[in-house]
Amino acid sequence: MGNFSTKYLGNLRCENTHIQSGTIIHTDAPTDNFGKGEAFSPTDLCALSLTTCIITTMGVYAQLKEIEVLSISADTNKIMGTEPRRIARIEATIRIQLGENGTDRQREGLERVIRSCPVSKSLHPEIEQDVIIEWI
């Protein structure tokens, strides 16, 4: 048995189950590729995976280094290329607020996580990864 199961529901829509937790995510083809755009597309999830991996890895780093993180939020944008149709660029703006004792060294450590998270290292090198950190 795999870590995930997928069932095609028809009309370019899938139901994806995370076996360990039972969490379900639906995917749908985007409107520019014959879909209804009623859920995340597979390429949306790929782009979003970069952002969530960076944030999760920052959380792990902050825990290990005992850095007080008050908040992290982000916006992600996916730019598709053609011939072949693929993700050409992922843009992520990540906003981080540290506690009042946050240092430049802590910020530098958290910024290093951008290129060290597993998704960043797994994406094809032709996919541009434009990640911006905004310190609040």
Protein backbone atom coordinates (compact mmCIF):
# COMPACT_ATOMS: atom_id res chain seq x y z
CA MET A 1 0.00 0.00 0.00
CA GLY A 2 1.22 3.49 -0.82
CA ASN A 3 1.32 6.61 1.33
CA PHE A 4 -1.55 8.09 -0.68
CA SER A 5 -4.44 6.79 -2.71
CA THR A 6 -6.10 8.46 -5.66
CA LYS A 7 -9.51 7.87 -7.19
CA TYR A 8 -10.52 9.46 -10.50
CA LEU A 9 -13.98 10.99 -10.07
CA GLY A 10 -14.50 11.88 -13.73
CA ASN A 11 -14.64 15.34 -15.32
CA LEU A 12 -10.87 15.81 -14.75
CA ARG A 13 -11.26 15.63 -10.95
CA CYS A 14 -9.47 13.32 -8.48
CA GLU A 15 -9.94 12.49 -4.81
CA ASN A 16 -6.60 12.02 -3.05
CA THR A 17 -6.37 10.45 0.39
CA HIS A 18 -3.45 10.67 2.80
CA ILE A 19 -3.50 7.12 4.16
CA GLN A 20 -1.98 7.80 7.59
CA SER A 21 -4.40 10.61 8.53
CA GLY A 22 -7.36 10.02 6.25
CA THR A 23 -7.18 13.63 5.03
CA ILE A 24 -8.72 14.12 1.59
CA ILE A 25 -7.68 16.68 -1.02
CA HIS A 26 -9.52 17.06 -4.29
CA THR A 27 -7.69 18.11 -7.43
CA ASP A 28 -9.23 19.52 -10.57
CA ALA A 29 -7.85 20.50 -13.94
CA PRO A 30 -7.44 24.28 -14.26
CA THR A 31 -9.82 26.27 -16.43
CA ASP A 32 -7.06 26.96 -18.97
CA ASN A 33 -6.65 23.20 -19.45
CA PHE A 34 -10.24 22.00 -19.88
CA GLY A 35 -11.08 21.84 -16.18
CA LYS A 36 -13.53 23.62 -13.92
CA GLY A 37 -10.89 25.03 -11.57
CA GLU A 38 -12.98 24.01 -8.56
CA ALA A 39 -10.03 22.72 -6.54
CA PHE A 40 -6.25 22.86 -6.54
CA SER A 41 -4.74 21.58 -9.77
CA PRO A 42 -1.83 19.13 -9.53
CA THR A 43 0.57 21.90 -10.58
CA ASP A 44 -0.96 24.23 -7.96
CA LEU A 45 -0.10 21.63 -5.32
CA CYS A 46 3.43 21.34 -6.67
CA ALA A 47 3.96 25.10 -6.40
CA LEU A 48 2.29 25.27 -3.01
CA SER A 49 4.47 22.39 -1.83
CA LEU A 50 7.54 24.58 -2.27
CA THR A 51 6.10 27.29 -0.03
CA THR A 52 4.79 24.94 2.64
CA CYS A 53 8.04 22.96 2.66
CA ILE A 54 10.08 26.12 3.18
CA ILE A 55 7.79 27.27 6.00
CA THR A 56 7.74 23.83 7.64
CA THR A 57 11.54 23.56 7.42
CA MET A 58 11.82 27.06 8.91
CA GLY A 59 9.60 25.88 11.77
CA VAL A 60 11.86 22.89 12.39
CA TYR A 61 14.96 25.12 12.27
CA ALA A 62 13.34 27.63 14.66
CA GLN A 63 12.45 24.86 17.12
CA LEU A 64 15.95 23.40 17.04
CA LYS A 65 17.59 26.82 17.46
CA GLU A 66 14.97 28.02 19.98
CA ILE A 67 14.03 31.00 17.82
CA GLU A 68 10.79 32.70 18.81
CA VAL A 69 8.61 32.86 15.70
CA LEU A 70 5.45 34.90 16.23
CA SER A 71 3.99 34.34 12.77
CA ILE A 72 4.74 33.10 9.27
CA SER A 73 2.41 33.58 6.31
CA ALA A 74 2.91 33.46 2.57
CA ASP A 75 1.51 34.03 -0.89
CA THR A 76 2.41 31.72 -3.76
CA ASN A 77 2.11 32.33 -7.48
CA LYS A 78 2.63 29.71 -10.18
CA ILE A 79 3.57 30.69 -13.73
CA MET A 80 3.02 28.08 -16.40
CA GLY A 81 5.16 27.72 -19.48
CA THR A 82 4.23 26.29 -22.86
CA GLU A 83 5.83 23.82 -25.22
CA PRO A 84 5.90 21.81 -23.13
CA ARG A 85 3.17 22.84 -20.73
CA ARG A 86 4.92 22.86 -17.36
CA ILE A 87 5.58 24.99 -14.31
CA ALA A 88 8.12 27.59 -15.44
CA ARG A 89 8.34 29.69 -12.29
CA ILE A 90 7.18 29.65 -8.69
CA GLU A 91 7.03 32.93 -6.82
CA ALA A 92 6.60 32.92 -3.05
CA THR A 93 6.54 35.85 -0.69
CA ILE A 94 6.99 34.70 2.89
CA ARG A 95 6.31 37.09 5.76
CA ILE A 96 7.98 36.27 9.08
CA GLN A 97 7.67 37.94 12.44
CA LEU A 98 10.20 37.00 15.09
CA GLY A 99 10.00 37.80 18.78
CA GLU A 100 11.47 41.08 19.95
CA ASN A 101 14.81 39.37 20.65
CA GLY A 102 15.20 38.13 17.05
CA THR A 103 18.74 38.62 15.73
CA ASP A 104 20.29 39.09 12.29
CA ARG A 105 22.00 35.73 12.72
CA GLN A 106 18.63 34.02 13.32
CA ARG A 107 17.18 35.73 10.25
CA GLU A 108 20.15 34.59 8.14
CA GLY A 109 19.70 31.01 9.36
CA LEU A 110 16.02 31.06 8.47
CA GLU A 111 16.78 32.49 5.03
CA ARG A 112 19.24 29.63 4.34
CA VAL A 113 16.31 27.23 4.64
CA ILE A 114 14.89 28.56 1.35
CA ARG A 115 17.25 26.48 -0.79
CA SER A 116 17.68 23.58 1.63
CA CYS A 117 14.11 22.32 1.96
CA PRO A 118 13.44 18.95 0.29
CA VAL A 119 10.95 20.31 -2.26
CA SER A 120 13.33 23.05 -3.40
CA LYS A 121 16.01 20.42 -3.94
CA SER A 122 13.55 18.10 -5.73
CA LEU A 123 12.19 20.53 -8.31
CA HIS A 124 13.69 20.46 -11.79
CA PRO A 125 16.49 23.05 -12.14
CA GLU A 126 14.64 24.72 -15.03
CA ILE A 127 11.82 25.74 -12.67
CA GLU A 128 12.66 29.22 -11.41
CA GLN A 129 12.23 29.54 -7.66
CA ASP A 130 11.74 33.19 -6.74
CA VAL A 131 11.35 33.31 -2.96
CA ILE A 132 11.22 36.62 -1.12
CA ILE A 133 11.34 36.97 2.64
CA GLU A 134 9.63 39.97 4.21
CA TRP A 135 10.57 40.52 7.84
CA ILE A 136 7.72 42.02 9.85
